[in-house]
Full PDB file with SEQRES, HELIX, SHEET, SSBOND, CRYST1, ORIGX, SCALE, CONECT and MASTER records, all heavy atoms in Angstrom:
SEQRES   1 A   32  GLU ASN ILE ALA ASP GLU LYS SER TRP GLU THR ALA PRO          
SEQRES   2 A   32  PHE PRO THR THR LYS ASN SER GLN TRP TRP MET TYR CYS          
SEQRES   3 A   32  LEU PRO LEU ASP VAL ASP                                      
HELIX    1 AA1 GLU A    6  SER A    8  5                                   3    
HELIX    2 AA2 PRO A   15  THR A   17  5                                   3    
CRYST1    1.000    1.000    1.000  90.00  90.00  90.00 P 1           1          
ORIGX1      1.000000  0.000000  0.000000        0.00000                         
ORIGX2      0.000000  1.000000  0.000000        0.00000                         
ORIGX3      0.000000  0.000000  1.000000        0.00000                         
SCALE1      1.000000  0.000000  0.000000        0.00000                         
SCALE2      0.000000  1.000000  0.000000        0.00000                         
SCALE3      0.000000  0.000000  1.000000        0.00000                         
ATOM      1  N   GLU A   1       0.823  -1.209  -0.079  1.00  0.00           N  
ATOM      2  CA  GLU A   1      -0.018   0.007   0.016  1.00  0.00           C  
ATOM      3  C   GLU A   1       0.815   1.271   0.011  1.00  0.00           C  
ATOM      4  O   GLU A   1       0.364   2.360  -0.199  1.00  0.00           O  
ATOM      5  CB  GLU A   1      -0.981   0.002   1.190  1.00  0.00           C  
ATOM      6  CG  GLU A   1      -0.278  -0.146   2.552  1.00  0.00           C  
ATOM      7  CD  GLU A   1      -0.165  -1.570   3.048  1.00  0.00           C  
ATOM      8  OE1 GLU A   1      -0.231  -2.451   2.178  1.00  0.00           O  
ATOM      9  OE2 GLU A   1      -0.155  -1.779   4.267  1.00  0.00           O  
ATOM     10  N   ASN A   2       2.136   1.117   0.275  1.00  0.00           N  
ATOM     11  CA  ASN A   2       3.023   2.313   0.216  1.00  0.00           C  
ATOM     12  C   ASN A   2       3.765   2.545  -1.056  1.00  0.00           C  
ATOM     13  O   ASN A   2       4.508   3.489  -1.170  1.00  0.00           O  
ATOM     14  CB  ASN A   2       4.086   2.117   1.399  1.00  0.00           C  
ATOM     15  CG  ASN A   2       3.374   2.268   2.834  1.00  0.00           C  
ATOM     16  OD1 ASN A   2       2.403   2.844   2.968  1.00  0.00           O  
ATOM     17  ND2 ASN A   2       4.039   1.585   3.753  1.00  0.00           N  
ATOM     18  N   ILE A   3       3.474   1.664  -2.046  1.00  0.00           N  
ATOM     19  CA  ILE A   3       4.150   1.840  -3.320  1.00  0.00           C  
ATOM     20  C   ILE A   3       3.838   3.173  -3.901  1.00  0.00           C  
ATOM     21  O   ILE A   3       4.734   3.770  -4.578  1.00  0.00           O  
ATOM     22  CB  ILE A   3       3.797   0.651  -4.269  1.00  0.00           C  
ATOM     23  CG1 ILE A   3       4.400  -0.601  -3.812  1.00  0.00           C  
ATOM     24  CG2 ILE A   3       4.308   0.977  -5.700  1.00  0.00           C  
ATOM     25  CD1 ILE A   3       3.984  -1.863  -4.541  1.00  0.00           C  
ATOM     26  N   ALA A   4       2.637   3.650  -3.705  1.00  0.00           N  
ATOM     27  CA  ALA A   4       2.270   4.985  -4.364  1.00  0.00           C  
ATOM     28  C   ALA A   4       2.760   6.161  -3.458  1.00  0.00           C  
ATOM     29  O   ALA A   4       2.373   7.285  -3.890  1.00  0.00           O  
ATOM     30  CB  ALA A   4       0.743   5.003  -4.523  1.00  0.00           C  
ATOM     31  N   ASP A   5       3.463   5.930  -2.405  1.00  0.00           N  
ATOM     32  CA  ASP A   5       3.956   7.007  -1.532  1.00  0.00           C  
ATOM     33  C   ASP A   5       5.337   7.297  -1.814  1.00  0.00           C  
ATOM     34  O   ASP A   5       6.213   6.496  -1.512  1.00  0.00           O  
ATOM     35  CB  ASP A   5       3.784   6.677  -0.056  1.00  0.00           C  
ATOM     36  CG  ASP A   5       4.205   7.651   0.926  1.00  0.00           C  
ATOM     37  OD1 ASP A   5       4.574   8.801   0.416  1.00  0.00           O  
ATOM     38  OD2 ASP A   5       4.411   7.363   2.169  1.00  0.00           O  
ATOM     39  N   GLU A   6       5.684   8.377  -2.449  1.00  0.00           N  
ATOM     40  CA  GLU A   6       7.001   8.760  -2.872  1.00  0.00           C  
ATOM     41  C   GLU A   6       8.012   8.730  -1.699  1.00  0.00           C  
ATOM     42  O   GLU A   6       9.089   8.284  -1.868  1.00  0.00           O  
ATOM     43  CB  GLU A   6       7.034  10.137  -3.539  1.00  0.00           C  
ATOM     44  CG  GLU A   6       8.450  10.578  -3.922  1.00  0.00           C  
ATOM     45  CD  GLU A   6       8.359  11.894  -4.595  1.00  0.00           C  
ATOM     46  OE1 GLU A   6       7.278  12.461  -4.988  1.00  0.00           O  
ATOM     47  OE2 GLU A   6       9.533  12.553  -4.841  1.00  0.00           O  
ATOM     48  N   LYS A   7       7.474   9.176  -0.513  1.00  0.00           N  
ATOM     49  CA  LYS A   7       8.378   9.228   0.605  1.00  0.00           C  
ATOM     50  C   LYS A   7       8.773   7.901   1.169  1.00  0.00           C  
ATOM     51  O   LYS A   7       9.751   7.866   1.979  1.00  0.00           O  
ATOM     52  CB  LYS A   7       7.773  10.062   1.625  1.00  0.00           C  
ATOM     53  CG  LYS A   7       7.542  11.547   1.228  1.00  0.00           C  
ATOM     54  CD  LYS A   7       6.912  12.420   2.395  1.00  0.00           C  
ATOM     55  CE  LYS A   7       6.675  13.837   1.918  1.00  0.00           C  
ATOM     56  NZ  LYS A   7       6.014  14.614   2.993  1.00  0.00           N  
ATOM     57  N   SER A   8       8.083   6.862   0.758  1.00  0.00           N  
ATOM     58  CA  SER A   8       8.358   5.483   1.318  1.00  0.00           C  
ATOM     59  C   SER A   8       9.495   4.846   0.508  1.00  0.00           C  
ATOM     60  O   SER A   8      10.015   3.769   0.942  1.00  0.00           O  
ATOM     61  CB  SER A   8       7.106   4.693   1.213  1.00  0.00           C  
ATOM     62  OG  SER A   8       6.122   5.212   2.089  1.00  0.00           O  
ATOM     63  N   TRP A   9       9.893   5.344  -0.607  1.00  0.00           N  
ATOM     64  CA  TRP A   9      10.976   4.812  -1.402  1.00  0.00           C  
ATOM     65  C   TRP A   9      12.308   5.314  -0.939  1.00  0.00           C  
ATOM     66  O   TRP A   9      12.448   6.570  -0.502  1.00  0.00           O  
ATOM     67  CB  TRP A   9      10.748   5.187  -2.938  1.00  0.00           C  
ATOM     68  CG  TRP A   9       9.668   4.365  -3.535  1.00  0.00           C  
ATOM     69  CD1 TRP A   9       8.336   4.581  -3.401  1.00  0.00           C  
ATOM     70  CD2 TRP A   9       9.787   3.197  -4.422  1.00  0.00           C  
ATOM     71  NE1 TRP A   9       7.580   3.720  -4.137  1.00  0.00           N  
ATOM     72  CE2 TRP A   9       8.512   2.825  -4.773  1.00  0.00           C  
ATOM     73  CE3 TRP A   9      10.915   2.517  -4.801  1.00  0.00           C  
ATOM     74  CZ2 TRP A   9       8.244   1.688  -5.573  1.00  0.00           C  
ATOM     75  CZ3 TRP A   9      10.672   1.394  -5.711  1.00  0.00           C  
ATOM     76  CH2 TRP A   9       9.317   0.993  -5.961  1.00  0.00           C  
ATOM     77  N   GLU A  10      13.312   4.543  -0.942  1.00  0.00           N  
ATOM     78  CA  GLU A  10      14.716   4.918  -0.670  1.00  0.00           C  
ATOM     79  C   GLU A  10      15.578   4.894  -1.826  1.00  0.00           C  
ATOM     80  O   GLU A  10      15.573   3.765  -2.468  1.00  0.00           O  
ATOM     81  CB  GLU A  10      15.219   4.077   0.615  1.00  0.00           C  
ATOM     82  CG  GLU A  10      14.432   4.209   1.771  1.00  0.00           C  
ATOM     83  CD  GLU A  10      14.931   3.277   2.927  1.00  0.00           C  
ATOM     84  OE1 GLU A  10      16.164   2.933   2.831  1.00  0.00           O  
ATOM     85  OE2 GLU A  10      14.154   2.963   3.740  1.00  0.00           O  
ATOM     86  N   THR A  11      16.370   5.886  -2.084  1.00  0.00           N  
ATOM     87  CA  THR A  11      17.259   5.888  -3.284  1.00  0.00           C  
ATOM     88  C   THR A  11      18.736   5.925  -2.844  1.00  0.00           C  
ATOM     89  O   THR A  11      19.106   6.693  -1.897  1.00  0.00           O  
ATOM     90  CB  THR A  11      16.960   7.099  -4.216  1.00  0.00           C  
ATOM     91  OG1 THR A  11      15.569   6.884  -4.738  1.00  0.00           O  
ATOM     92  CG2 THR A  11      17.974   7.144  -5.361  1.00  0.00           C  
ATOM     93  N   ALA A  12      19.542   5.168  -3.469  1.00  0.00           N  
ATOM     94  CA  ALA A  12      20.987   5.116  -3.175  1.00  0.00           C  
ATOM     95  C   ALA A  12      21.795   4.765  -4.416  1.00  0.00           C  
ATOM     96  O   ALA A  12      21.357   3.991  -5.244  1.00  0.00           O  
ATOM     97  CB  ALA A  12      21.280   4.182  -2.041  1.00  0.00           C  
ATOM     98  N   PRO A  13      22.982   5.372  -4.578  1.00  0.00           N  
ATOM     99  CA  PRO A  13      23.823   5.122  -5.755  1.00  0.00           C  
ATOM    100  C   PRO A  13      24.735   3.954  -5.467  1.00  0.00           C  
ATOM    101  O   PRO A  13      25.194   3.741  -4.416  1.00  0.00           O  
ATOM    102  CB  PRO A  13      24.648   6.459  -5.827  1.00  0.00           C  
ATOM    103  CG  PRO A  13      24.787   6.840  -4.473  1.00  0.00           C  
ATOM    104  CD  PRO A  13      23.501   6.528  -3.789  1.00  0.00           C  
ATOM    105  N   PHE A  14      25.083   3.154  -6.488  1.00  0.00           N  
ATOM    106  CA  PHE A  14      26.104   2.167  -6.403  1.00  0.00           C  
ATOM    107  C   PHE A  14      27.382   2.975  -6.376  1.00  0.00           C  
ATOM    108  O   PHE A  14      27.751   3.576  -7.374  1.00  0.00           O  
ATOM    109  CB  PHE A  14      26.078   1.273  -7.534  1.00  0.00           C  
ATOM    110  CG  PHE A  14      24.929   0.228  -7.472  1.00  0.00           C  
ATOM    111  CD1 PHE A  14      23.663   0.545  -8.025  1.00  0.00           C  
ATOM    112  CD2 PHE A  14      25.102  -0.973  -6.733  1.00  0.00           C  
ATOM    113  CE1 PHE A  14      22.656  -0.348  -7.860  1.00  0.00           C  
ATOM    114  CE2 PHE A  14      24.011  -1.843  -6.754  1.00  0.00           C  
ATOM    115  CZ  PHE A  14      22.785  -1.466  -7.313  1.00  0.00           C  
ATOM    116  N   PRO A  15      28.181   2.942  -5.345  1.00  0.00           N  
ATOM    117  CA  PRO A  15      29.418   3.806  -5.189  1.00  0.00           C  
ATOM    118  C   PRO A  15      30.371   3.589  -6.350  1.00  0.00           C  
ATOM    119  O   PRO A  15      30.972   4.586  -6.844  1.00  0.00           O  
ATOM    120  CB  PRO A  15      29.977   3.313  -3.903  1.00  0.00           C  
ATOM    121  CG  PRO A  15      28.824   2.758  -3.083  1.00  0.00           C  
ATOM    122  CD  PRO A  15      27.954   2.130  -4.072  1.00  0.00           C  
ATOM    123  N   THR A  16      30.545   2.331  -6.816  1.00  0.00           N  
ATOM    124  CA  THR A  16      31.553   2.113  -7.972  1.00  0.00           C  
ATOM    125  C   THR A  16      31.129   2.692  -9.264  1.00  0.00           C  
ATOM    126  O   THR A  16      31.945   2.737 -10.161  1.00  0.00           O  
ATOM    127  CB  THR A  16      31.815   0.581  -8.117  1.00  0.00           C  
ATOM    128  OG1 THR A  16      30.619  -0.044  -8.380  1.00  0.00           O  
ATOM    129  CG2 THR A  16      32.434   0.026  -6.752  1.00  0.00           C  
ATOM    130  N   THR A  17      29.906   3.109  -9.422  1.00  0.00           N  
ATOM    131  CA  THR A  17      29.356   3.668 -10.664  1.00  0.00           C  
ATOM    132  C   THR A  17      29.279   5.188 -10.683  1.00  0.00           C  
ATOM    133  O   THR A  17      29.036   5.792 -11.764  1.00  0.00           O  
ATOM    134  CB  THR A  17      28.006   3.157 -10.969  1.00  0.00           C  
ATOM    135  OG1 THR A  17      27.042   3.643 -10.091  1.00  0.00           O  
ATOM    136  CG2 THR A  17      27.982   1.685 -10.961  1.00  0.00           C  
ATOM    137  N   LYS A  18      29.547   5.830  -9.557  1.00  0.00           N  
ATOM    138  CA  LYS A  18      29.220   7.268  -9.448  1.00  0.00           C  
ATOM    139  C   LYS A  18      30.125   8.081 -10.390  1.00  0.00           C  
ATOM    140  O   LYS A  18      31.313   8.011 -10.438  1.00  0.00           O  
ATOM    141  CB  LYS A  18      29.476   7.720  -7.910  1.00  0.00           C  
ATOM    142  CG  LYS A  18      28.338   7.326  -7.039  1.00  0.00           C  
ATOM    143  CD  LYS A  18      28.510   7.742  -5.642  1.00  0.00           C  
ATOM    144  CE  LYS A  18      28.397   9.294  -5.508  1.00  0.00           C  
ATOM    145  NZ  LYS A  18      28.502   9.742  -4.159  1.00  0.00           N  
ATOM    146  N   ASN A  19      29.444   8.928 -11.151  1.00  0.00           N  
ATOM    147  CA  ASN A  19      30.163   9.878 -12.033  1.00  0.00           C  
ATOM    148  C   ASN A  19      31.096   9.253 -12.919  1.00  0.00           C  
ATOM    149  O   ASN A  19      32.187   9.777 -13.206  1.00  0.00           O  
ATOM    150  CB  ASN A  19      30.741  10.983 -11.226  1.00  0.00           C  
ATOM    151  CG  ASN A  19      29.733  11.729 -10.395  1.00  0.00           C  
ATOM    152  OD1 ASN A  19      28.652  12.099 -10.847  1.00  0.00           O  
ATOM    153  ND2 ASN A  19      30.028  11.922  -9.112  1.00  0.00           N  
ATOM    154  N   SER A  20      30.911   7.952 -13.342  1.00  0.00           N  
ATOM    155  CA  SER A  20      31.951   7.230 -14.033  1.00  0.00           C  
ATOM    156  C   SER A  20      31.764   6.955 -15.549  1.00  0.00           C  
ATOM    157  O   SER A  20      32.671   7.106 -16.280  1.00  0.00           O  
ATOM    158  CB  SER A  20      32.126   5.842 -13.353  1.00  0.00           C  
ATOM    159  OG  SER A  20      30.906   5.157 -13.347  1.00  0.00           O  
ATOM    160  N   GLN A  21      30.477   6.590 -15.868  1.00  0.00           N  
ATOM    161  CA  GLN A  21      30.236   6.311 -17.243  1.00  0.00           C  
ATOM    162  C   GLN A  21      28.818   6.769 -17.618  1.00  0.00           C  
ATOM    163  O   GLN A  21      28.010   7.074 -16.671  1.00  0.00           O  
ATOM    164  CB  GLN A  21      30.323   4.779 -17.566  1.00  0.00           C  
ATOM    165  CG  GLN A  21      31.698   4.236 -17.320  1.00  0.00           C  
ATOM    166  CD  GLN A  21      31.723   2.806 -17.634  1.00  0.00           C  
ATOM    167  OE1 GLN A  21      31.278   2.239 -18.690  1.00  0.00           O  
ATOM    168  NE2 GLN A  21      32.437   1.987 -16.607  1.00  0.00           N  
ATOM    169  N   TRP A  22      28.553   6.922 -18.913  1.00  0.00           N  
ATOM    170  CA  TRP A  22      27.193   7.342 -19.391  1.00  0.00           C  
ATOM    171  C   TRP A  22      26.364   6.065 -19.469  1.00  0.00           C  
ATOM    172  O   TRP A  22      26.349   5.380 -20.536  1.00  0.00           O  
ATOM    173  CB  TRP A  22      27.325   7.960 -20.764  1.00  0.00           C  
ATOM    174  CG  TRP A  22      27.924   9.286 -20.796  1.00  0.00           C  
ATOM    175  CD1 TRP A  22      29.138   9.614 -20.282  1.00  0.00           C  
ATOM    176  CD2 TRP A  22      27.354  10.445 -21.288  1.00  0.00           C  
ATOM    177  NE1 TRP A  22      29.447  10.961 -20.467  1.00  0.00           N  
ATOM    178  CE2 TRP A  22      28.382  11.505 -21.130  1.00  0.00           C  
ATOM    179  CE3 TRP A  22      26.146  10.822 -21.832  1.00  0.00           C  
ATOM    180  CZ2 TRP A  22      28.132  12.817 -21.557  1.00  0.00           C  
ATOM    181  CZ3 TRP A  22      25.936  12.106 -22.290  1.00  0.00           C  
ATOM    182  CH2 TRP A  22      26.932  13.103 -22.080  1.00  0.00           C  
ATOM    183  N   TRP A  23      25.737   5.629 -18.313  1.00  0.00           N  
ATOM    184  CA  TRP A  23      25.108   4.326 -18.224  1.00  0.00           C  
ATOM    185  C   TRP A  23      23.819   4.391 -19.039  1.00  0.00           C  
ATOM    186  O   TRP A  23      22.910   5.314 -18.820  1.00  0.00           O  
ATOM    187  CB  TRP A  23      24.779   3.999 -16.743  1.00  0.00           C  
ATOM    188  CG  TRP A  23      26.035   3.957 -15.957  1.00  0.00           C  
ATOM    189  CD1 TRP A  23      26.494   4.785 -14.994  1.00  0.00           C  
ATOM    190  CD2 TRP A  23      27.084   2.894 -16.006  1.00  0.00           C  
ATOM    191  NE1 TRP A  23      27.712   4.455 -14.509  1.00  0.00           N  
ATOM    192  CE2 TRP A  23      28.102   3.228 -15.036  1.00  0.00           C  
ATOM    193  CE3 TRP A  23      27.092   1.721 -16.655  1.00  0.00           C  
ATOM    194  CZ2 TRP A  23      29.150   2.462 -14.838  1.00  0.00           C  
ATOM    195  CZ3 TRP A  23      28.243   0.873 -16.492  1.00  0.00           C  
ATOM    196  CH2 TRP A  23      29.202   1.209 -15.557  1.00  0.00           C  
ATOM    197  N   MET A  24      23.618   3.353 -19.832  1.00  0.00           N  
ATOM    198  CA  MET A  24      22.467   3.392 -20.807  1.00  0.00           C  
ATOM    199  C   MET A  24      21.362   2.291 -20.650  1.00  0.00           C  
ATOM    200  O   MET A  24      20.277   2.532 -21.018  1.00  0.00           O  
ATOM    201  CB  MET A  24      23.042   3.265 -22.225  1.00  0.00           C  
ATOM    202  CG  MET A  24      23.948   4.356 -22.567  1.00  0.00           C  
ATOM    203  SD  MET A  24      23.244   6.046 -22.519  1.00  0.00           S  
ATOM    204  CE  MET A  24      22.129   5.961 -23.875  1.00  0.00           C  
ATOM    205  N   TYR A  25      21.757   1.128 -20.184  1.00  0.00           N  
ATOM    206  CA  TYR A  25      20.848   0.035 -20.250  1.00  0.00           C  
ATOM    207  C   TYR A  25      21.275  -0.956 -19.172  1.00  0.00           C  
ATOM    208  O   TYR A  25      22.466  -1.261 -19.087  1.00  0.00           O  
ATOM    209  CB  TYR A  25      20.698  -0.705 -21.563  1.00  0.00           C  
ATOM    210  CG  TYR A  25      19.496  -1.507 -21.794  1.00  0.00           C  
ATOM    211  CD1 TYR A  25      18.312  -0.956 -22.221  1.00  0.00           C  
ATOM    212  CD2 TYR A  25      19.573  -2.906 -21.573  1.00  0.00           C  
ATOM    213  CE1 TYR A  25      17.124  -1.767 -22.361  1.00  0.00           C  
ATOM    214  CE2 TYR A  25      18.471  -3.676 -21.693  1.00  0.00           C  
ATOM    215  CZ  TYR A  25      17.264  -3.075 -22.141  1.00  0.00           C  
ATOM    216  OH  TYR A  25      16.159  -3.854 -22.314  1.00  0.00           O  
ATOM    217  N   CYS A  26      20.297  -1.569 -18.478  1.00  0.00           N  
ATOM    218  CA  CYS A  26      20.516  -2.467 -17.386  1.00  0.00           C  
ATOM    219  C   CYS A  26      19.722  -3.792 -17.536  1.00  0.00           C  
ATOM    220  O   CYS A  26      18.498  -3.771 -17.884  1.00  0.00           O  
ATOM    221  CB  CYS A  26      20.224  -1.798 -15.985  1.00  0.00           C  
ATOM    222  SG  CYS A  26      20.448  -2.926 -14.547  1.00  0.00           S  
ATOM    223  N   LEU A  27      20.328  -4.865 -17.387  1.00  0.00           N  
ATOM    224  CA  LEU A  27      19.681  -6.208 -17.361  1.00  0.00           C  
ATOM    225  C   LEU A  27      19.912  -6.856 -16.019  1.00  0.00           C  
ATOM    226  O   LEU A  27      21.095  -7.290 -15.679  1.00  0.00           O  
ATOM    227  CB  LEU A  27      20.265  -7.161 -18.468  1.00  0.00           C  
ATOM    228  CG  LEU A  27      19.727  -8.538 -18.556  1.00  0.00           C  
ATOM    229  CD1 LEU A  27      18.262  -8.539 -18.831  1.00  0.00           C  
ATOM    230  CD2 LEU A  27      20.496  -9.429 -19.433  1.00  0.00           C  
ATOM    231  N   PRO A  28      18.910  -7.070 -15.191  1.00  0.00           N  
ATOM    232  CA  PRO A  28      18.983  -7.888 -13.905  1.00  0.00           C  
ATOM    233  C   PRO A  28      19.162  -9.350 -14.291  1.00  0.00           C  
ATOM    234  O   PRO A  28      18.298  -9.827 -15.091  1.00  0.00           O  
ATOM    235  CB  PRO A  28      17.664  -7.585 -13.204  1.00  0.00           C  
ATOM    236  CG  PRO A  28      17.112  -6.333 -13.813  1.00  0.00           C  
ATOM    237  CD  PRO A  28      17.604  -6.396 -15.311  1.00  0.00           C  
ATOM    238  N   LEU A  29      20.043 -10.030 -13.773  1.00  0.00           N  
ATOM    239  CA  LEU A  29      20.368 -11.378 -14.082  1.00  0.00           C  
ATOM    240  C   LEU A  29      21.272 -12.073 -13.104  1.00  0.00           C  
ATOM    241  O   LEU A  29      22.207 -11.401 -12.600  1.00  0.00           O  
ATOM    242  CB  LEU A  29      21.132 -11.479 -15.497  1.00  0.00           C  
ATOM    243  CG  LEU A  29      21.583 -12.901 -16.053  1.00  0.00           C  
ATOM    244  CD1 LEU A  29      20.228 -13.580 -16.389  1.00  0.00           C  
ATOM    245  CD2 LEU A  29      22.405 -12.730 -17.210  1.00  0.00           C  
ATOM    246  N   ASP A  30      20.974 -13.244 -12.686  1.00  0.00           N  
ATOM    247  CA  ASP A  30      21.745 -14.039 -11.816  1.00  0.00           C  
ATOM    248  C   ASP A  30      22.961 -14.515 -12.524  1.00  0.00           C  
ATOM    249  O   ASP A  30      22.845 -15.744 -12.953  1.00  0.00           O  
ATOM    250  CB  ASP A  30      20.950 -15.134 -11.074  1.00  0.00           C  
ATOM    251  CG  ASP A  30      21.765 -15.853 -10.049  1.00  0.00           C  
ATOM    252  OD1 ASP A  30      22.930 -15.525  -9.827  1.00  0.00           O  
ATOM    253  OD2 ASP A  30      21.170 -16.863  -9.508  1.00  0.00           O  
ATOM    254  N   VAL A  31      24.028 -13.799 -12.656  1.00  0.00           N  
ATOM    255  CA  VAL A  31      25.133 -14.160 -13.436  1.00  0.00           C  
ATOM    256  C   VAL A  31      25.880 -15.455 -12.904  1.00  0.00           C  
ATOM    257  O   VAL A  31      26.166 -16.435 -13.654  1.00  0.00           O  
ATOM    258  CB  VAL A  31      26.139 -13.021 -13.603  1.00  0.00           C  
ATOM    259  CG1 VAL A  31      27.476 -13.481 -14.215  1.00  0.00           C  
ATOM    260  CG2 VAL A  31      25.599 -11.823 -14.347  1.00  0.00           C  
ATOM    261  N   ASP A  32      26.116 -15.392 -11.614  1.00  0.00           N  
ATOM    262  CA  ASP A  32      26.952 -16.422 -11.001  1.00  0.00           C  
ATOM    263  C   ASP A  32      26.161 -17.494 -10.403  1.00  0.00           C  
ATOM    264  O   ASP A  32      26.716 -18.273  -9.564  1.00  0.00           O  
ATOM    265  CB  ASP A  32      27.936 -15.858 -10.009  1.00  0.00           C  
ATOM    266  CG  ASP A  32      27.287 -14.954  -8.999  1.00  0.00           C  
ATOM    267  OD1 ASP A  32      26.040 -14.818  -9.098  1.00  0.00           O  
ATOM    268  OD2 ASP A  32      27.962 -14.252  -8.229  1.00  0.00           O  
TER     269      ASP A  32                                                      
MASTER        0    0    0    2    0    0    0    6  268    1    0    3          
END                                                                             
Protein backbone atom coordinates (compact mmCIF):
# COMPACT_ATOMS: atom_id res chain seq x y z
CA GLU A 1 0.00 0.00 0.00
CA ASN A 2 3.03 2.30 0.29
CA ILE A 3 4.19 1.83 -3.30
CA ALA A 4 2.27 4.96 -4.31
CA ASP A 5 3.92 6.99 -1.53
CA GLU A 6 7.00 8.73 -2.90
CA LYS A 7 8.42 9.27 0.59
CA SER A 8 8.37 5.53 1.30
CA TRP A 9 10.97 4.81 -1.40
CA GLU A 10 14.70 4.97 -0.62
CA THR A 11 17.26 5.87 -3.28
CA ALA A 12 20.99 5.14 -3.15
CA PRO A 13 23.82 5.13 -5.73
CA PHE A 14 26.11 2.21 -6.39
CA PRO A 15 29.41 3.75 -5.23
CA THR A 16 31.54 2.12 -7.93
CA THR A 17 29.40 3.68 -10.67
CA LYS A 18 29.24 7.27 -9.42
CA ASN A 19 30.11 9.86 -12.07
CA SER A 20 31.98 7.21 -14.02
CA GLN A 21 30.22 6.33 -17.29
CA TRP A 22 27.20 7.29 -19.38
CA TRP A 23 25.08 4.35 -18.23
CA MET A 24 22.45 3.41 -20.81
CA TYR A 25 20.82 0.03 -20.22
CA CYS A 26 20.54 -2.49 -17.39
CA LEU A 27 19.71 -6.21 -17.36
CA PRO A 28 19.01 -7.85 -13.97
CA LEU A 29 20.41 -11.40 -14.14
CA ASP A 30 21.78 -14.02 -11.77
CA VAL A 31 25.17 -14.17 -13.48
CA ASP A 32 26.98 -16.45 -11.00
